[in-house]
C-alpha atoms as a PDB file:
ATOM      1  CA  MET A   1    -141.084  93.254 -10.533  1.00  0.00           C
ATOM      2  CA  ASN A   2    -140.352  89.599 -11.273  1.00  0.00           C
ATOM      3  CA  ILE A   3    -141.080  86.676  -8.949  1.00  0.00           C
ATOM      4  CA  LYS A   4    -137.587  86.652  -7.428  1.00  0.00           C
ATOM      5  CA  GLU A   5    -137.600  90.400  -6.784  1.00  0.00           C
ATOM      6  CA  LYS A   6    -141.076  90.190  -5.288  1.00  0.00           C
ATOM      7  CA  ALA A   7    -139.984  87.409  -2.935  1.00  0.00           C
ATOM      8  CA  GLU A   8    -136.933  89.416  -1.844  1.00  0.00           C
ATOM      9  CA  HIS A   9    -139.097  92.470  -1.261  1.00  0.00           C
ATOM     10  CA  GLN A  10    -141.535  90.456   0.853  1.00  0.00           C
ATOM     11  CA  GLU A  11    -138.668  88.969   2.865  1.00  0.00           C
ATOM     12  CA  ILE A  12    -137.209  92.405   3.600  1.00  0.00           C
ATOM     13  CA  HIS A  13    -140.631  93.743   4.550  1.00  0.00           C
ATOM     14  CA  ALA A  14    -141.225  90.793   6.894  1.00  0.00           C
ATOM     15  CA  LEU A  15    -137.849  91.414   8.546  1.00  0.00           C
ATOM     16  CA  HIS A  16    -138.722  95.075   9.067  1.00  0.00           C
ATOM     17  CA  LEU A  17    -142.046  94.157  10.664  1.00  0.00           C
ATOM     18  CA  SER A  18    -140.376  91.577  12.894  1.00  0.00           C
ATOM     19  CA  ARG A  19    -137.805  94.098  14.091  1.00  0.00           C
ATOM     20  CA  LYS A  20    -140.564  96.637  14.627  1.00  0.00           C
ATOM     21  CA  ASP A  21    -142.326  94.226  16.989  1.00  0.00           C
ATOM     22  CA  GLU A  22    -139.067  93.377  18.772  1.00  0.00           C
ATOM     23  CA  ALA A  23    -138.235  97.066  19.213  1.00  0.00           C
ATOM     24  CA  ARG A  24    -141.677  97.781  20.650  1.00  0.00           C
ATOM     25  CA  LYS A  25    -141.257  94.908  23.102  1.00  0.00           C
ATOM     26  CA  CYS A  26    -137.877  96.302  24.208  1.00  0.00           C
ATOM     27  CA  ARG A  27    -139.413  99.740  24.652  1.00  0.00           C
ATOM     28  CA  ASP A  28    -142.229  98.326  26.794  1.00  0.00           C
ATOM     29  CA  GLU A  29    -139.767  96.393  28.971  1.00  0.00           C
ATOM     30  CA  ASP A  30    -137.611  99.489  29.476  1.00  0.00           C
ATOM     31  CA  LYS A  31    -140.702 101.516  30.328  1.00  0.00           C
ATOM     32  CA  GLU A  32    -141.844  98.987  32.919  1.00  0.00           C
ATOM     33  CA  GLN A  33    -138.402  98.878  34.523  1.00  0.00           C
ATOM     34  CA  ALA A  34    -138.236 102.678  34.739  1.00  0.00           C
ATOM     35  CA  GLN A  35    -141.652 102.797  36.406  1.00  0.00           C
ATOM     36  CA  THR A  36    -140.703 100.221  39.042  1.00  0.00           C
ATOM     37  CA  ASP A  37    -137.007 101.006  39.599  1.00  0.00           C
ATOM     38  CA  ASP A  38    -136.001 104.561  40.465  1.00  0.00           C
ATOM     39  CA  LYS A  39    -132.370 103.728  39.665  1.00  0.00           C
ATOM     40  CA  THR A  40    -133.246 103.260  35.981  1.00  0.00           C
ATOM     41  CA  LEU A  41    -133.666 106.160  33.558  1.00  0.00           C
ATOM     42  CA  SER A  42    -135.485 105.136  30.362  1.00  0.00           C
ATOM     43  CA  PHE A  43    -136.230 107.527  27.528  1.00  0.00           C
ATOM     44  CA  ASN A  44    -136.422 107.920  23.793  1.00  0.00           C
ATOM     45  CA  PHE A  45    -135.374 110.937  21.785  1.00  0.00           C
ATOM     46  CA  ASP A  46    -135.809 112.373  18.329  1.00  0.00           C
ATOM     47  CA  LEU A  47    -135.083 115.534  16.366  1.00  0.00           C
ATOM     48  CA  GLU A  48    -138.212 117.293  15.159  1.00  0.00           C
ATOM     49  CA  ALA A  49    -138.727 118.530  11.620  1.00  0.00           C
ATOM     50  CA  VAL A  50    -137.091 121.908  11.038  1.00  0.00           C
ATOM     51  CA  LEU A  51    -139.168 124.769  12.448  1.00  0.00           C
ATOM     52  CA  SER A  52    -139.035 127.642   9.961  1.00  0.00           C
ATOM     53  CA  THR A  53    -138.792 131.138  11.401  1.00  0.00           C
ATOM     54  CA  PRO A  54    -140.655 133.389  10.932  1.00  0.00           C
ATOM     55  CA  LYS A  55    -143.738 131.263  10.299  1.00  0.00           C
ATOM     56  CA  GLY A  56    -146.906 132.687   8.873  1.00  0.00           C
ATOM     57  CA  ALA A  57    -149.594 132.122   6.296  1.00  0.00           C
ATOM     58  CA  ALA A  58    -148.582 131.400   2.726  1.00  0.00           C
ATOM     59  CA  GLY A  59    -147.724 134.420   0.625  1.00  0.00           C
ATOM     60  CA  PRO A  60    -144.890 136.722   1.680  1.00  0.00           C
ATOM     61  CA  PHE A  61    -143.513 134.084   4.065  1.00  0.00           C
ATOM     62  CA  PHE A  62    -143.585 131.201   1.624  1.00  0.00           C
ATOM     63  CA  TYR A  63    -141.158 132.342  -1.059  1.00  0.00           C
ATOM     64  CA  VAL A  64    -138.280 133.550   1.114  1.00  0.00           C
ATOM     65  CA  ARG A  65    -135.389 131.907   2.897  1.00  0.00           C
ATOM     66  CA  LYS A  66    -136.104 131.535   6.608  1.00  0.00           C
ATOM     67  CA  LEU A  67    -134.131 130.827   9.757  1.00  0.00           C
ATOM     68  CA  ALA A  68    -134.061 127.182  10.869  1.00  0.00           C
ATOM     69  CA  VAL A  69    -134.944 126.339  14.472  1.00  0.00           C
ATOM     70  CA  TYR A  70    -134.203 122.854  15.842  1.00  0.00           C
ATOM     71  CA  ASN A  71    -135.883 120.868  18.607  1.00  0.00           C
ATOM     72  CA  LEU A  72    -134.401 117.703  20.110  1.00  0.00           C
ATOM     73  CA  THR A  73    -137.180 116.072  22.128  1.00  0.00           C
ATOM     74  CA  VAL A  74    -136.572 113.646  25.005  1.00  0.00           C
ATOM     75  CA  TYR A  75    -139.507 111.630  26.384  1.00  0.00           C
ATOM     76  CA  ASN A  76    -139.057 110.046  29.819  1.00  0.00           C
ATOM     77  CA  LEU A  77    -140.760 106.643  29.771  1.00  0.00           C
ATOM     78  CA  GLY A  78    -140.879 106.444  33.555  1.00  0.00           C
ATOM     79  CA  ASN A  79    -142.739 109.649  34.424  1.00  0.00           C
ATOM     80  CA  ARG A  80    -143.854 111.012  30.999  1.00  0.00           C
ATOM     81  CA  ASN A  81    -141.867 114.215  31.444  1.00  0.00           C
ATOM     82  CA  VAL A  82    -140.731 115.871  28.227  1.00  0.00           C
ATOM     83  CA  GLU A  83    -137.565 117.905  27.721  1.00  0.00           C
ATOM     84  CA  CYS A  84    -137.151 119.923  24.527  1.00  0.00           C
ATOM     85  CA  TYR A  85    -133.692 121.260  23.704  1.00  0.00           C
ATOM     86  CA  MET A  86    -134.018 124.111  21.206  1.00  0.00           C
ATOM     87  CA  TRP A  87    -131.585 126.269  19.231  1.00  0.00           C
ATOM     88  CA  ASP A  88    -131.438 128.090  15.911  1.00  0.00           C
ATOM     89  CA  GLU A  89    -128.995 127.667  13.044  1.00  0.00           C
ATOM     90  CA  THR A  90    -126.797 130.570  14.202  1.00  0.00           C
ATOM     91  CA  GLU A  91    -126.150 128.726  17.476  1.00  0.00           C
ATOM     92  CA  GLY A  92    -125.561 125.206  16.183  1.00  0.00           C
ATOM     93  CA  LYS A  93    -126.083 122.733  13.393  1.00  0.00           C
ATOM     94  CA  ARG A  94    -128.279 119.646  13.168  1.00  0.00           C
ATOM     95  CA  GLY A  95    -125.727 116.889  13.647  1.00  0.00           C
ATOM     96  CA  SER A  96    -123.978 114.573  16.062  1.00  0.00           C
ATOM     97  CA  ILE A  97    -122.325 117.386  18.046  1.00  0.00           C
ATOM     98  CA  GLU A  98    -125.681 118.914  18.914  1.00  0.00           C
ATOM     99  CA  ILE A  99    -127.472 115.613  19.610  1.00  0.00           C
ATOM    100  CA  SER A 100    -124.584 114.347  21.750  1.00  0.00           C
ATOM    101  CA  THR A 101    -124.543 117.551  23.791  1.00  0.00           C
ATOM    102  CA  CYS A 102    -128.276 117.379  24.479  1.00  0.00           C
ATOM    103  CA  ILE A 103    -128.244 113.739  25.577  1.00  0.00           C
ATOM    104  CA  HIS A 104    -125.131 114.197  27.724  1.00  0.00           C
ATOM    105  CA  THR A 105    -126.791 117.180  29.414  1.00  0.00           C
ATOM    106  CA  TYR A 106    -130.003 115.226  29.965  1.00  0.00           C
ATOM    107  CA  ILE A 107    -128.357 112.177  31.535  1.00  0.00           C
ATOM    108  CA  MET A 108    -125.981 114.166  33.741  1.00  0.00           C
ATOM    109  CA  ALA A 109    -128.950 116.116  35.147  1.00  0.00           C
ATOM    110  CA  HIS A 110    -130.330 112.907  36.700  1.00  0.00           C
ATOM    111  CA  ASN A 111    -128.740 112.026  40.017  1.00  0.00           C
ATOM    112  CA  ASP A 112    -128.510 108.652  41.732  1.00  0.00           C
ATOM    113  CA  ILE A 113    -129.233 106.487  38.679  1.00  0.00           C
ATOM    114  CA  LYS A 114    -127.434 103.247  37.847  1.00  0.00           C
ATOM    115  CA  ASN A 115    -128.857 102.315  34.451  1.00  0.00           C
ATOM    116  CA  VAL A 116    -129.761 104.329  31.369  1.00  0.00           C
ATOM    117  CA  LYS A 117    -131.914 102.755  28.677  1.00  0.00           C
ATOM    118  CA  MET A 118    -132.465 104.960  25.647  1.00  0.00           C
ATOM    119  CA  MET A 119    -133.972 104.394  22.220  1.00  0.00           C
ATOM    120  CA  SER A 120    -133.844 106.416  19.031  1.00  0.00           C
ATOM    121  CA  ASP A 121    -134.078 105.925  15.303  1.00  0.00           C
ATOM    122  CA  GLY A 122    -131.036 104.706  13.410  1.00  0.00           C
ATOM    123  CA  CYS A 123    -130.054 107.989  11.785  1.00  0.00           C
ATOM    124  CA  GLY A 124    -126.310 107.511  11.313  1.00  0.00           C
ATOM    125  CA  GLY A 125    -125.424 111.144  10.816  1.00  0.00           C
ATOM    126  CA  GLN A 126    -126.798 112.176  14.192  1.00  0.00           C
ATOM    127  CA  GLN A 127    -126.565 109.423  16.802  1.00  0.00           C
ATOM    128  CA  LYS A 128    -125.475 106.150  15.193  1.00  0.00           C
ATOM    129  CA  ASN A 129    -121.799 107.015  14.945  1.00  0.00           C
ATOM    130  CA  TYR A 130    -118.550 107.018  16.890  1.00  0.00           C
ATOM    131  CA  HIS A 131    -118.952 110.650  17.941  1.00  0.00           C
ATOM    132  CA  PHE A 132    -122.150 109.817  19.823  1.00  0.00           C
ATOM    133  CA  SER A 133    -120.509 106.665  21.203  1.00  0.00           C
ATOM    134  CA  SER A 134    -117.605 108.730  22.489  1.00  0.00           C
ATOM    135  CA  MET A 135    -120.107 110.897  24.360  1.00  0.00           C
ATOM    136  CA  CYS A 136    -121.744 107.819  25.889  1.00  0.00           C
ATOM    137  CA  LEU A 137    -118.397 106.465  27.082  1.00  0.00           C
ATOM    138  CA  LEU A 138    -117.552 109.798  28.668  1.00  0.00           C
ATOM    139  CA  THR A 139    -120.976 110.050  30.300  1.00  0.00           C
ATOM    140  CA  VAL A 140    -120.935 106.586  31.855  1.00  0.00           C
ATOM    141  CA  THR A 141    -117.414 107.303  33.119  1.00  0.00           C
ATOM    142  CA  GLN A 142    -118.129 110.777  34.517  1.00  0.00           C
ATOM    143  CA  HIS A 143    -121.520 110.180  36.112  1.00  0.00           C
ATOM    144  CA  PRO A 144    -120.953 109.383  39.800  1.00  0.00           C
ATOM    145  CA  THR A 145    -123.492 106.543  40.101  1.00  0.00           C
ATOM    146  CA  LEU A 146    -124.190 105.385  36.547  1.00  0.00           C
ATOM    147  CA  ASN A 147    -122.897 101.913  35.618  1.00  0.00           C
ATOM    148  CA  VAL A 148    -124.393 101.038  32.216  1.00  0.00           C
ATOM    149  CA  ILE A 149    -125.890 102.840  29.222  1.00  0.00           C
ATOM    150  CA  ASP A 150    -127.966 100.803  26.766  1.00  0.00           C
ATOM    151  CA  HIS A 151    -128.811 102.419  23.438  1.00  0.00           C
ATOM    152  CA  LYS A 152    -131.249 100.566  21.191  1.00  0.00           C
ATOM    153  CA  PHE A 153    -132.331 101.681  17.750  1.00  0.00           C
ATOM    154  CA  PHE A 154    -135.841 101.594  16.374  1.00  0.00           C
ATOM    155  CA  GLU A 155    -136.406 100.203  12.912  1.00  0.00           C
ATOM    156  CA  THR A 156    -136.273 103.407  10.870  1.00  0.00           C
ATOM    157  CA  GLY A 157    -139.596 104.282   9.291  1.00  0.00           C
ATOM    158  CA  HIS A 158    -141.426 101.375  10.892  1.00  0.00           C
ATOM    159  CA  THR A 159    -141.727 102.279  14.571  1.00  0.00           C
ATOM    160  CA  HIS A 160    -143.780 104.941  16.318  1.00  0.00           C
ATOM    161  CA  MET A 161    -142.053 106.678  19.224  1.00  0.00           C
ATOM    162  CA  GLU A 162    -143.628 108.803  21.928  1.00  0.00           C
ATOM    163  CA  CYS A 163    -141.563 111.669  20.533  1.00  0.00           C
ATOM    164  CA  ASP A 164    -143.605 111.438  17.335  1.00  0.00           C
ATOM    165  CA  SER A 165    -146.736 112.202  19.348  1.00  0.00           C
ATOM    166  CA  ILE A 166    -144.964 115.116  21.041  1.00  0.00           C
ATOM    167  CA  HIS A 167    -144.029 116.581  17.671  1.00  0.00           C
ATOM    168  CA  SER A 168    -147.586 116.104  16.451  1.00  0.00           C
ATOM    169  CA  LYS A 169    -148.878 118.097  19.436  1.00  0.00           C
ATOM    170  CA  ILE A 170    -146.435 120.892  18.638  1.00  0.00           C
ATOM    171  CA  GLU A 171    -147.504 120.960  14.987  1.00  0.00           C
ATOM    172  CA  THR A 172    -151.163 121.075  16.013  1.00  0.00           C
ATOM    173  CA  LYS A 173    -150.508 123.921  18.446  1.00  0.00           C
ATOM    174  CA  ALA A 174    -148.628 125.819  15.734  1.00  0.00           C
ATOM    175  CA  LYS A 175    -151.381 125.449  13.146  1.00  0.00           C
ATOM    176  CA  ASN A 176    -152.175 128.902  11.757  1.00  0.00           C
ATOM    177  CA  VAL A 177    -150.315 130.591  14.635  1.00  0.00           C
ATOM    178  CA  PRO A 178    -147.654 133.130  13.589  1.00  0.00           C
ATOM    179  CA  VAL A 179    -144.203 132.637  15.099  1.00  0.00           C
ATOM    180  CA  TYR A 180    -141.661 135.409  14.624  1.00  0.00           C
ATOM    181  CA  THR A 181    -138.534 134.322  16.535  1.00  0.00           C
ATOM    182  CA  PRO A 182    -136.918 131.207  18.057  1.00  0.00           C
ATOM    183  CA  ASP A 183    -138.174 132.404  21.459  1.00  0.00           C
ATOM    184  CA  GLY A 184    -141.665 132.326  19.983  1.00  0.00           C
ATOM    185  CA  TRP A 185    -141.206 128.652  19.126  1.00  0.00           C
ATOM    186  CA  ALA A 186    -139.967 127.931  22.655  1.00  0.00           C
ATOM    187  CA  GLN A 187    -143.059 129.575  24.143  1.00  0.00           C
ATOM    188  CA  LEU A 188    -145.354 127.663  21.783  1.00  0.00           C
ATOM    189  CA  VAL A 189    -143.681 124.339  22.631  1.00  0.00           C
ATOM    190  CA  ARG A 190    -144.119 124.942  26.366  1.00  0.00           C
ATOM    191  CA  LEU A 191    -147.852 125.435  25.850  1.00  0.00           C
ATOM    192  CA  ALA A 192    -148.362 122.465  23.522  1.00  0.00           C
ATOM    193  CA  ARG A 193    -149.278 120.216  26.477  1.00  0.00           C
ATOM    194  CA  THR A 194    -150.882 120.910  29.845  1.00  0.00           C
ATOM    195  CA  ASN A 195    -151.454 117.361  31.166  1.00  0.00           C
ATOM    196  CA  PRO A 196    -149.689 115.791  32.994  1.00  0.00           C
ATOM    197  CA  LYS A 197    -147.462 118.888  32.858  1.00  0.00           C
ATOM    198  CA  PRO A 198    -146.202 121.320  30.185  1.00  0.00           C
ATOM    199  CA  PHE A 199    -143.163 120.462  28.117  1.00  0.00           C
ATOM    200  CA  ASN A 200    -139.950 121.826  29.570  1.00  0.00           C
ATOM    201  CA  VAL A 201    -137.799 123.813  27.135  1.00  0.00           C
ATOM    202  CA  THR A 202    -134.057 124.370  27.435  1.00  0.00           C
ATOM    203  CA  THR A 203    -132.702 126.941  24.993  1.00  0.00           C
ATOM    204  CA  LEU A 204    -129.113 126.309  23.899  1.00  0.00           C
ATOM    205  CA  THR A 205    -126.506 128.666  22.456  1.00  0.00           C
ATOM    206  CA  HIS A 206    -123.263 127.989  20.616  1.00  0.00           C
ATOM    207  CA  ASP A 207    -121.394 128.138  23.948  1.00  0.00           C
ATOM    208  CA  ASP A 208    -123.278 125.055  25.151  1.00  0.00           C
ATOM    209  CA  PHE A 209    -122.300 122.667  22.363  1.00  0.00           C
ATOM    210  CA  LYS A 210    -119.374 120.322  22.957  1.00  0.00           C
ATOM    211  CA  ASP A 211    -117.320 118.221  20.572  1.00  0.00           C
ATOM    212  CA  PHE A 212    -116.999 114.721  22.016  1.00  0.00           C
ATOM    213  CA  GLY A 213    -115.273 113.327  18.947  1.00  0.00           C
ATOM    214  CA  VAL A 214    -111.761 114.614  19.540  1.00  0.00           C
ATOM    215  CA  ARG A 215    -110.663 111.709  21.703  1.00  0.00           C
ATOM    216  CA  ASN A 216    -107.395 110.618  20.137  1.00  0.00           C
ATOM    217  CA  GLN A 217    -108.273 106.982  19.383  1.00  0.00           C
ATOM    218  CA  TYR A 218    -108.642 104.454  16.638  1.00  0.00           C
ATOM    219  CA  LEU A 219    -110.880 101.423  16.492  1.00  0.00           C
ATOM    220  CA  SER A 220    -109.834  97.809  16.420  1.00  0.00           C
ATOM    221  CA  LYS A 221    -111.892  94.780  16.238  1.00  0.00           C
ATOM    222  CA  ILE A 222    -113.958  92.467  17.236  1.00  0.00           C
ATOM    223  CA  SER A 223    -114.408  89.426  19.437  1.00  0.00           C
ATOM    224  CA  ASN A 224    -115.216  86.633  16.991  1.00  0.00           C
ATOM    225  CA  GLY A 225    -113.825  88.013  13.752  1.00  0.00           C
ATOM    226  CA  ARG A 226    -117.222  88.778  12.232  1.00  0.00           C
ATOM    227  CA  LYS A 227    -117.325  92.234  10.716  1.00  0.00           C
ATOM    228  CA  LEU A 228    -119.866  94.289  12.612  1.00  0.00           C
ATOM    229  CA  GLY A 229    -119.739  98.071  12.847  1.00  0.00           C
ATOM    230  CA  ILE A 230    -121.828 100.666  14.597  1.00  0.00           C
ATOM    231  CA  HIS A 231    -123.942 101.217  11.490  1.00  0.00           C
ATOM    232  CA  ASP A 232    -125.017  97.544  11.717  1.00  0.00           C
ATOM    233  CA  ALA A 233    -126.057  97.817  15.358  1.00  0.00           C
ATOM    234  CA  VAL A 234    -129.533  97.699  16.824  1.00  0.00           C
ATOM    235  CA  TRP A 235    -128.133  97.658  20.362  1.00  0.00           C
ATOM    236  CA  LEU A 236    -125.055  99.374  21.797  1.00  0.00           C
ATOM    237  CA  GLN A 237    -123.926  99.162  25.395  1.00  0.00           C
ATOM    238  CA  TYR A 238    -121.407 101.208  27.385  1.00  0.00           C
ATOM    239  CA  ARG A 239    -120.041 100.131  30.787  1.00  0.00           C
ATOM    240  CA  LYS A 240    -118.259 102.110  33.466  1.00  0.00           C
ATOM    241  CA  GLU A 241    -116.009  99.121  34.151  1.00  0.00           C
ATOM    242  CA  ASP A 242    -114.926  98.959  30.474  1.00  0.00           C
ATOM    243  CA  PRO A 243    -114.261 102.579  29.420  1.00  0.00           C
ATOM    244  CA  ASP A 244    -112.339 101.550  26.278  1.00  0.00           C
ATOM    245  CA  LYS A 245    -114.931  99.183  24.826  1.00  0.00           C
ATOM    246  CA  ILE A 246    -118.207  99.468  22.951  1.00  0.00           C
ATOM    247  CA  PHE A 247    -120.482  96.432  23.223  1.00  0.00           C
ATOM    248  CA  ILE A 248    -122.535  95.801  20.109  1.00  0.00           C
ATOM    249  CA  LYS A 249    -125.351  93.590  18.766  1.00  0.00           C
ATOM    250  CA  ASP A 250    -127.289  93.443  15.529  1.00  0.00           C
ATOM    251  CA  THR A 251    -130.221  91.814  17.320  1.00  0.00           C
ATOM    252  CA  TYR A 252    -132.564  92.679  20.202  1.00  0.00           C
ATOM    253  CA  ASP A 253    -132.213  89.119  21.554  1.00  0.00           C
ATOM    254  CA  LYS A 254    -130.983  89.250  25.154  1.00  0.00           C
ATOM    255  CA  ASN A 255    -129.643  85.708  24.926  1.00  0.00           C
ATOM    256  CA  ILE A 256    -127.146  86.494  22.169  1.00  0.00           C
ATOM    257  CA  PRO A 257    -123.894  87.825  23.637  1.00  0.00           C
ATOM    258  CA  PHE A 258    -122.471  91.213  22.743  1.00  0.00           C
ATOM    259  CA  GLN A 259    -119.480  91.567  20.508  1.00  0.00           C
ATOM    260  CA  GLU A 260    -116.824  94.074  21.516  1.00  0.00           C
ATOM    261  CA  ILE A 261    -115.263  97.010  19.739  1.00  0.00           C
ATOM    262  CA  HIS A 262    -111.943  97.806  21.392  1.00  0.00           C
ATOM    263  CA  LEU A 263    -110.741 101.394  21.413  1.00  0.00           C
ATOM    264  CA  LYS A 264    -107.005 102.005  21.377  1.00  0.00           C
ATOM    265  CA  LYS A 265    -105.311 105.339  21.668  1.00  0.00           C
ATOM    266  CA  LYS A 266    -103.134 106.623  18.869  1.00  0.00           C
ATOM    267  CA  ARG A 267     -99.675 107.828  19.611  1.00  0.00           C
ATOM    268  CA  GLY A 268     -99.293 111.522  20.150  1.00  0.00           C
ATOM    269  CA  LYS A 269    -100.775 114.181  22.320  1.00  0.00           C
ATOM    270  CA  THR A 270    -103.866 113.186  24.246  1.00  0.00           C
ATOM    271  CA  VAL A 271    -106.667 115.719  23.879  1.00  0.00           C
ATOM    272  CA  VAL A 272    -108.769 116.517  26.918  1.00  0.00           C
ATOM    273  CA  TYR A 273    -112.362 116.280  25.794  1.00  0.00           C
ATOM    274  CA  PRO A 274    -115.009 117.432  25.291  1.00  0.00           C
ATOM    275  CA  VAL A 275    -113.985 120.765  23.829  1.00  0.00           C
ATOM    276  CA  SER A 276    -116.149 123.690  22.753  1.00  0.00           C
ATOM    277  CA  ALA A 277    -117.575 123.011  19.322  1.00  0.00           C
ATOM    278  CA  TYR A 278    -118.039 126.646  18.280  1.00  0.00           C
ATOM    279  CA  SER A 279    -116.151 129.765  19.313  1.00  0.00           C
ATOM    280  CA  GLN A 280    -118.831 132.129  18.003  1.00  0.00           C
ATOM    281  CA  ARG A 281    -122.287 132.195  16.461  1.00  0.00           C
ATOM    282  CA  LEU A 282    -122.606 130.576  13.044  1.00  0.00           C
ATOM    283  CA  LYS A 283    -123.251 132.812  10.063  1.00  0.00           C
ATOM    284  CA  ILE A 284    -126.191 132.496   7.726  1.00  0.00           C
ATOM    285  CA  SER A 285    -125.964 133.470   4.076  1.00  0.00           C
ATOM    286  CA  SER A 286    -126.290 137.134   3.183  1.00  0.00           C
ATOM    287  CA  GLN A 287    -129.137 136.182   0.839  1.00  0.00           C
ATOM    288  CA  LYS A 288    -131.103 134.624   3.681  1.00  0.00           C
ATOM    289  CA  LYS A 289    -130.548 137.624   5.936  1.00  0.00           C
ATOM    290  CA  ASN A 290    -131.630 139.966   3.130  1.00  0.00           C
ATOM    291  CA  ASP A 291    -134.861 137.993   2.753  1.00  0.00           C
ATOM    292  CA  LEU A 292    -135.537 138.232   6.483  1.00  0.00           C
ATOM    293  CA  ILE A 293    -134.760 141.957   6.604  1.00  0.00           C
ATOM    294  CA  LYS A 294    -137.124 142.517   3.679  1.00  0.00           C
ATOM    295  CA  LEU A 295    -139.924 140.840   5.644  1.00  0.00           C
ATOM    296  CA  CYS A 296    -139.203 143.362   8.400  1.00  0.00           C
ATOM    297  CA  GLN A 297    -139.170 146.289   5.978  1.00  0.00           C
ATOM    298  CA  ASP A 298    -142.434 145.149   4.383  1.00  0.00           C
ATOM    299  CA  GLY A 299    -144.166 145.041   7.759  1.00  0.00           C
ATOM    300  CA  GLN A 300    -144.643 141.265   7.751  1.00  0.00           C
ATOM    301  CA  ILE A 301    -142.621 140.958  10.965  1.00  0.00           C
ATOM    302  CA  PRO A 302    -143.676 143.244  13.868  1.00  0.00           C
ATOM    303  CA  ARG A 303    -141.219 146.018  14.695  1.00  0.00           C
ATOM    304  CA  ILE A 304    -140.455 144.626  18.154  1.00  0.00           C
ATOM    305  CA  TYR A 305    -138.673 141.672  16.522  1.00  0.00           C
ATOM    306  CA  HIS A 306    -136.598 143.652  14.008  1.00  0.00           C
ATOM    307  CA  PRO A 307    -133.461 143.908  16.201  1.00  0.00           C
ATOM    308  CA  PHE A 308    -133.268 140.111  16.378  1.00  0.00           C
ATOM    309  CA  TYR A 309    -133.060 139.853  12.588  1.00  0.00           C
ATOM    310  CA  GLU A 310    -130.803 142.870  12.184  1.00  0.00           C
ATOM    311  CA  ASN A 311    -128.267 141.273  14.542  1.00  0.00           C
ATOM    312  CA  LEU A 312    -128.124 137.886  12.821  1.00  0.00           C
ATOM    313  CA  PRO A 313    -124.516 137.111  11.757  1.00  0.00           C
ATOM    314  CA  SER A 314    -124.170 136.628   8.005  1.00  0.00           C
ATOM    315  CA  SER A 315    -121.572 136.300   5.270  1.00  0.00           C
ATOM    316  CA  GLU A 316    -121.393 136.424   1.494  1.00  0.00           C
ATOM    317  CA  THR A 317    -119.232 133.298   1.572  1.00  0.00           C
ATOM    318  CA  VAL A 318    -121.811 131.114   3.324  1.00  0.00           C
ATOM    319  CA  LYS A 319    -123.538 128.881   0.824  1.00  0.00           C
ATOM    320  CA  ASP A 320    -127.291 129.148   1.005  1.00  0.00           C
ATOM    321  CA  CYS A 321    -129.110 125.821   1.099  1.00  0.00           C
ATOM    322  CA  LEU A 322    -132.654 125.058   0.071  1.00  0.00           C
ATOM    323  CA  PRO A 323    -135.065 124.367   2.933  1.00  0.00           C
ATOM    324  CA  GLU A 324    -134.772 120.873   4.348  1.00  0.00           C
ATOM    325  CA  PRO A 325    -137.510 118.484   3.173  1.00  0.00           C
ATOM    326  CA  ASP A 326    -139.135 118.159   6.605  1.00  0.00           C
ATOM    327  CA  VAL A 327    -139.601 121.884   7.182  1.00  0.00           C
ATOM    328  CA  THR A 328    -142.753 122.786   9.104  1.00  0.00           C
ATOM    329  CA  GLU A 329    -144.767 125.521   7.378  1.00  0.00           C
ATOM    330  CA  ASP A 330    -148.415 126.518   7.223  1.00  0.00           C
ATOM    331  CA  SER A 331    -150.067 125.922   3.869  1.00  0.00           C
ATOM    332  CA  GLU A 332    -152.908 128.323   4.343  1.00  0.00           C
END
């Protein structure tokens, strides 16, 4: 690395650290407001590493394809309550449809609130996209008392969220504990904390997931002519009084005004949204199901759980993927 490259690297690193501090300050302010104002709902959320199922000691379990179980964790900054939305790969995927559904469900379950302040990482494929924004616009419009949703993004890889601690507790609880089904993971998650109260788990099926991205619109642009898209944002805001606008910043500075993304409808039939995302359970590959059935036949999975695996939908045409890099698995 030459002198110029080193200087650029140091500058980028300094910017990351600065944004990390700014994000933490925003989080602390949102937390304080939620604790003193019962009309404000503040939370952060994150998707946990894939939970492989069944989970056991290395050996027969290690070299086979396993079922993926997902956990979207929401941490309430005001009262420390934790909500875990869980599903397996036959019920949904791991993308913006699923994340949007969980957050919409969470916000709509809170009555008599006026402000939502949420924070997450900047993962574009899951919540930093127009699909998630469409959900936020619908939510702020539909909720009877909600006026504003603020969504701020942590500096990816540089900020510790409360959800990280929640996931660490789950991993600790799961250490060397066999888990044979998605329901087993749900039970384990509930017991991962006792104080101040256990984690609440909501199990989702394919019938629960909604597609918020079918709103028949296109995007036009922006207040001062400067190109700024959602992927550049560190702060997005949605207002009940402006249902066709997204307010956007690339800074946490309260004194810098928002720019506006204007949404305009395309010509043609207007689609009533959201719509059901999936009409049936999603199929896993036949190879994966064969691996799971073999674990049953070899006695690695107790007989009581065999019907669950025998009834998994599968297809020869489904492409089998390698395990995702953040899969949780015991190493001993």
